[in-house]
Structure formats: structure tokens, C-alpha cells
């Protein structure tokens, strides 16, 4: 997984510039803010477009919800605002499931894993007293694309046919898995874009000023 830079507790004074992902890591990892989805997402008027952080907090209060800071000292107020915004992500950005994913990744200081290693392994394994071995098959069973039995002459001059053996394999990390990982990354990225726009338009944070900096949209296209 991709590591995210960690931030210490926000200092007093002028707002500091910060990207949306470092902000999330700061809120959930450093300040230990936690989600409280509260079961009332449909009543929180936060869909596409901007919703004020103040209004989000107010609606949480009306629902009897609060952002739980855990068993430590209370999180920084900005961390509460961040957690509140994540908790009401619109369904088009993944909704509650994405909110949980973002919070868990931010606590770990990790970005989603988009790279899928590819490897080949035997389709079947067998065991013997010498250990595990790859199970092979008769290539003639493949039909036109296979390999017919090969004639050979025995020591006594007789003619016989011998099988050509091959090893059926599985390709792990194929196209379907790669596509799923990349789709998950793009959905996570779109959720971060929604959050970034929300904080930039609202300007509700006291210690931070959210910049346009974002993780790469398609990191698999970035070349060294």
C-alpha cells in the first residue's frame, strides 16, 4: 500500500496549507477522530455540491449524533468537522461504505493498493512422500491445440507411444482483478475530490487551508 505523510497536531495561529489526504490522515490518525454514521444519512442534506460544515454538525446534533473522539482527549475541532464531512459522503462517491474505507485507510496512513502483481501457479497440486508437486495432464486431451502422443522405439525394437505432459496453470492478478482495484482507487479518489471541494468552498476549518493537491487520479499511468 502507498504510505501517506503523517501530520502533528495543528498549531495555533494562521491556517496552514494542507492537501485533502494529509488532512484526513491528520484527523483520523493524529487526532483519533472517529465516524458516527448515526443511522440518519438520508436526513443529512449533503449530496452533490457544497454543504456547510457548520450545517453538517448542526444536523448531527439534531439527530442525536456526535463525533466520538475515542478514549483520549477530545480531537481538534477541525478533526470533528472532517469526520462529519466524511460520514455524510454522497452515495455517488461510495456513501457510508466509502466513509468507513477512508477512515480506516487514514488511520493506517495508507492509500488504497492499486497495483496487482501477476503470477502463475499450477491449477492443481499433489502430494507425495517427497512433498508437494504440480499435477500435470496429457497434452493430447487438449484436442487440436494440444500435442499428440509421440512414437518411440523401445530397447527391444518395439514401437510405442508416449504421452506429452503439460502443467495446467492459473494466472493470478489477471485483468478482472486489475480492473477491480483500479475502479476502487477511482471511487476513493472521487470521494477525496468531493471532500476537497467541500472544504475549499466552505472555508470552515480554523487551523487548515485545503489546497488543490490530490493523490494522482490514475497512478498506474505515472511513469518514473
Protein backbone atom coordinates (compact mmCIF):
# COMPACT_ATOMS: atom_id res chain seq x y z
CA UNK A 1 0.00 0.00 0.00
CA UNK A 2 1.00 3.60 -0.53
CA UNK A 3 2.01 5.39 2.64
CA UNK A 4 0.65 8.84 3.47
CA UNK A 5 2.61 11.55 5.20
CA UNK A 6 1.71 11.97 8.87
CA UNK A 7 0.99 15.37 10.47
CA UNK A 8 1.36 16.50 14.06
CA UNK A 9 -1.37 18.35 15.94
CA UNK A 10 -2.38 21.58 14.28
CA UNK A 11 -0.72 24.62 15.74
CA UNK A 12 -2.45 27.82 16.74
CA UNK A 13 -2.23 30.91 14.55
CA UNK A 14 -2.67 31.33 10.81
CA UNK A 15 -4.22 28.47 8.87
CA UNK A 16 -1.68 26.11 7.33
CA UNK A 17 -1.91 24.79 3.78
CA UNK A 18 -2.69 21.09 3.56
CA UNK A 19 -3.86 18.63 0.93
CA UNK A 20 -7.09 16.73 1.43
CA UNK A 21 -5.47 13.35 2.02
CA UNK A 22 -2.94 14.61 4.61
CA UNK A 23 -5.87 16.40 6.27
CA UNK A 24 -7.78 13.13 6.55
CA UNK A 25 -4.73 11.33 7.93
CA UNK A 26 -4.27 14.10 10.49
CA UNK A 27 -7.93 13.96 11.56
CA UNK A 28 -8.25 10.19 11.89
CA UNK A 29 -4.70 9.13 12.76
CA UNK A 30 -3.24 12.01 14.72
CA UNK A 31 -6.43 13.37 16.31
CA UNK A 32 -8.16 9.97 16.52
CA UNK A 33 -11.49 11.32 15.28
CA UNK A 34 -13.97 8.55 14.56
CA UNK A 35 -17.01 8.21 12.38
CA UNK A 36 -20.51 8.23 13.79
CA UNK A 37 -22.79 7.46 10.87
CA UNK A 38 -25.74 7.66 13.24
CA UNK A 39 -28.17 5.79 11.01
CA UNK A 40 -29.58 9.05 9.66
CA UNK A 41 -27.77 9.61 6.41
CA UNK A 42 -30.99 10.17 4.45
CA UNK A 43 -31.84 13.11 6.69
CA UNK A 44 -28.48 14.79 6.33
CA UNK A 45 -28.87 17.20 3.46
CA UNK A 46 -25.47 16.52 1.98
CA UNK A 47 -25.40 15.33 -1.59
CA UNK A 48 -23.55 16.53 -4.61
CA UNK A 49 -22.35 20.07 -4.24
CA UNK A 50 -21.38 22.05 -1.17
CA UNK A 51 -22.86 21.69 2.30
CA UNK A 52 -21.51 23.90 5.08
CA UNK A 53 -19.55 22.09 7.77
CA UNK A 54 -21.48 24.10 10.33
CA UNK A 55 -24.78 22.85 8.93
CA UNK A 56 -23.49 19.28 8.90
CA UNK A 57 -22.53 19.47 12.57
CA UNK A 58 -25.89 21.07 13.38
CA UNK A 59 -27.76 18.28 11.63
CA UNK A 60 -25.70 15.70 13.51
CA UNK A 61 -26.78 17.37 16.75
CA UNK A 62 -30.44 17.30 15.69
CA UNK A 63 -30.14 13.56 15.05
CA UNK A 64 -28.51 12.99 18.42
CA UNK A 65 -25.23 12.06 16.73
CA UNK A 66 -21.77 13.09 17.77
CA UNK A 67 -18.24 12.52 16.50
CA UNK A 68 -16.63 10.23 19.04
CA UNK A 69 -13.01 11.08 19.70
CA UNK A 70 -12.30 7.77 21.46
CA UNK A 71 -10.86 7.27 24.92
CA UNK A 72 -8.31 10.05 24.68
CA UNK A 73 -8.54 13.82 24.85
CA UNK A 74 -11.09 15.41 22.55
CA UNK A 75 -9.98 15.77 18.92
CA UNK A 76 -9.21 19.17 17.47
CA UNK A 77 -12.47 20.86 16.34
CA UNK A 78 -11.27 20.69 12.74
CA UNK A 79 -10.92 16.91 13.08
CA UNK A 80 -14.56 16.76 14.17
CA UNK A 81 -15.54 18.71 11.06
CA UNK A 82 -13.51 16.39 8.83
CA UNK A 83 -15.10 13.29 10.37
CA UNK A 84 -18.57 14.81 10.00
CA UNK A 85 -18.00 15.52 6.30
CA UNK A 86 -16.68 12.01 5.66
CA UNK A 87 -19.68 10.50 7.47
CA UNK A 88 -22.13 12.06 5.02
CA UNK A 89 -20.40 11.34 1.73
CA UNK A 90 -22.98 11.08 -1.08
CA UNK A 91 -23.82 7.65 -2.47
CA UNK A 92 -22.29 8.63 -5.80
CA UNK A 93 -18.91 8.72 -4.03
CA UNK A 94 -19.42 5.47 -2.19
CA UNK A 95 -21.62 6.60 0.69
CA UNK A 96 -21.21 5.02 4.11
CA UNK A 97 -19.04 2.17 2.82
CA UNK A 98 -16.54 4.64 1.36
CA UNK A 99 -16.65 6.72 4.55
CA UNK A 100 -15.55 3.69 6.55
CA UNK A 101 -12.86 2.85 3.98
CA UNK A 102 -11.45 6.39 4.06
CA UNK A 103 -11.39 6.46 7.86
CA UNK A 104 -9.66 3.06 8.11
CA UNK A 105 -7.06 3.90 5.49
CA UNK A 106 -6.39 7.31 7.03
CA UNK A 107 -5.88 5.76 10.48
CA UNK A 108 -3.36 3.37 8.95
CA UNK A 109 -1.69 6.17 6.98
CA UNK A 110 -2.21 4.18 3.80
CA UNK A 111 -3.70 4.83 0.39
CA UNK A 112 -5.63 2.06 -1.42
CA UNK A 113 -3.49 -0.56 -3.12
CA UNK A 114 -3.98 -0.27 -6.86
CA UNK A 115 -1.05 -2.37 -8.05
CA UNK A 116 -1.86 -6.03 -8.67
CA UNK A 117 1.12 -8.38 -9.00
CA UNK A 118 0.71 -11.10 -11.63
CA UNK A 119 1.96 -14.62 -11.18
CA UNK A 120 1.33 -18.14 -12.45
CA UNK A 121 0.68 -21.19 -10.32
CA UNK A 122 -0.31 -24.80 -11.09
CA UNK A 123 -4.03 -25.44 -11.39
CA UNK A 124 -3.74 -28.45 -9.09
CA UNK A 125 -1.23 -29.63 -6.54
CA UNK A 126 -0.47 -33.18 -5.48
CA UNK A 127 1.46 -34.53 -2.54
CA UNK A 128 3.83 -37.43 -2.12
CA UNK A 129 6.31 -38.56 0.47
CA UNK A 130 8.77 -36.13 -1.12
CA UNK A 131 6.47 -33.14 -0.72
CA UNK A 132 4.14 -31.14 -2.93
CA UNK A 133 4.25 -31.30 -6.73
CA UNK A 134 2.39 -29.75 -9.66
CA UNK A 135 -0.19 -32.07 -11.22
CA UNK A 136 0.30 -32.49 -14.96
CA UNK A 137 -2.08 -33.69 -17.69
CA UNK A 138 -1.94 -35.37 -21.07
CA UNK A 139 -1.47 -32.74 -23.80
CA UNK A 140 -3.40 -34.90 -26.28
CA UNK A 141 -6.58 -34.16 -24.30
CA UNK A 142 -6.38 -30.56 -25.48
CA UNK A 143 -7.53 -31.62 -28.94
CA UNK A 144 -6.38 -29.64 -31.96
CA UNK A 145 -4.45 -27.22 -29.79
CA UNK A 146 -2.67 -29.99 -27.90
CA UNK A 147 0.21 -32.30 -28.60
CA UNK A 148 -0.39 -35.88 -29.80
CA UNK A 149 1.26 -38.92 -28.28
CA UNK A 150 4.77 -39.32 -29.60
CA UNK A 151 6.10 -42.60 -31.02
CA UNK A 152 9.34 -44.04 -29.76
CA UNK A 153 11.29 -47.26 -30.16
CA UNK A 154 11.94 -49.43 -27.14
CA UNK A 155 15.27 -51.10 -26.45
CA UNK A 156 13.86 -54.34 -27.78
CA UNK A 157 12.92 -52.70 -31.07
CA UNK A 158 9.24 -52.36 -30.39
CA UNK A 159 7.20 -49.26 -31.19
CA UNK A 160 5.19 -47.44 -28.55
CA UNK A 161 3.54 -44.09 -28.00
CA UNK A 162 4.32 -41.82 -25.09
CA UNK A 163 2.22 -39.03 -23.61
CA UNK A 164 3.40 -35.44 -23.73
CA UNK A 165 2.66 -34.00 -20.31
CA UNK A 166 1.88 -30.35 -19.59
CA UNK A 167 1.01 -28.38 -16.47
CA UNK A 168 -2.34 -26.53 -16.43
CA UNK A 169 -1.92 -23.20 -14.67
CA UNK A 170 -3.91 -20.36 -13.13
CA UNK A 171 -2.93 -16.77 -13.85
CA UNK A 172 -3.36 -14.74 -10.68
CA UNK A 173 -3.79 -10.98 -10.78
CA UNK A 174 -5.47 -11.05 -14.15
CA UNK A 175 -7.50 -8.41 -15.98
CA UNK A 176 -10.57 -8.72 -13.74
CA UNK A 177 -8.60 -8.15 -10.53
CA UNK A 178 -6.63 -5.27 -12.02
CA UNK A 179 -9.85 -3.63 -13.22
CA UNK A 180 -11.49 -4.02 -9.79
CA UNK A 181 -8.50 -2.47 -7.98
CA UNK A 182 -8.38 0.48 -10.36
CA UNK A 183 -12.12 1.04 -10.10
CA UNK A 184 -11.84 1.07 -6.31
CA UNK A 185 -8.99 3.61 -6.49
CA UNK A 186 -11.01 5.91 -8.78
CA UNK A 187 -14.03 5.79 -6.47
CA UNK A 188 -11.79 6.63 -3.47
CA UNK A 189 -10.23 9.47 -5.47
CA UNK A 190 -13.66 10.86 -6.40
CA UNK A 191 -14.64 10.84 -2.71
CA UNK A 192 -11.50 12.83 -1.87
CA UNK A 193 -12.34 15.30 -4.63
CA UNK A 194 -15.83 15.76 -3.15
CA UNK A 195 -14.33 16.39 0.30
CA UNK A 196 -11.69 18.75 -1.05
CA UNK A 197 -14.28 20.84 -2.86
CA UNK A 198 -16.47 20.92 0.24
CA UNK A 199 -13.71 22.30 2.45
CA UNK A 200 -12.43 24.72 -0.18
CA UNK A 201 -15.87 26.19 -0.77
CA UNK A 202 -16.79 26.35 2.90
CA UNK A 203 -13.59 27.58 4.48
CA UNK A 204 -14.89 26.28 7.83
CA UNK A 205 -11.58 24.92 9.14
CA UNK A 206 -9.74 27.10 11.63
CA UNK A 207 -6.27 25.56 11.51
CA UNK A 208 -6.06 24.37 7.92
CA UNK A 209 -6.50 25.75 4.42
CA UNK A 210 -7.19 22.93 1.99
CA UNK A 211 -5.15 23.16 -1.21
CA UNK A 212 -5.84 21.68 -4.63
CA UNK A 213 -3.25 18.96 -4.05
CA UNK A 214 -4.66 15.49 -4.70
CA UNK A 215 -3.22 12.00 -4.99
CA UNK A 216 -2.73 11.01 -8.64
CA UNK A 217 -6.01 10.14 -10.32
CA UNK A 218 -4.52 7.24 -12.28
CA UNK A 219 -1.19 6.31 -10.64
CA UNK A 220 -0.79 3.32 -12.98
CA UNK A 221 -0.22 5.83 -15.79
CA UNK A 222 2.52 7.69 -13.91
CA UNK A 223 5.96 6.71 -15.18
CA UNK A 224 9.24 7.15 -13.34
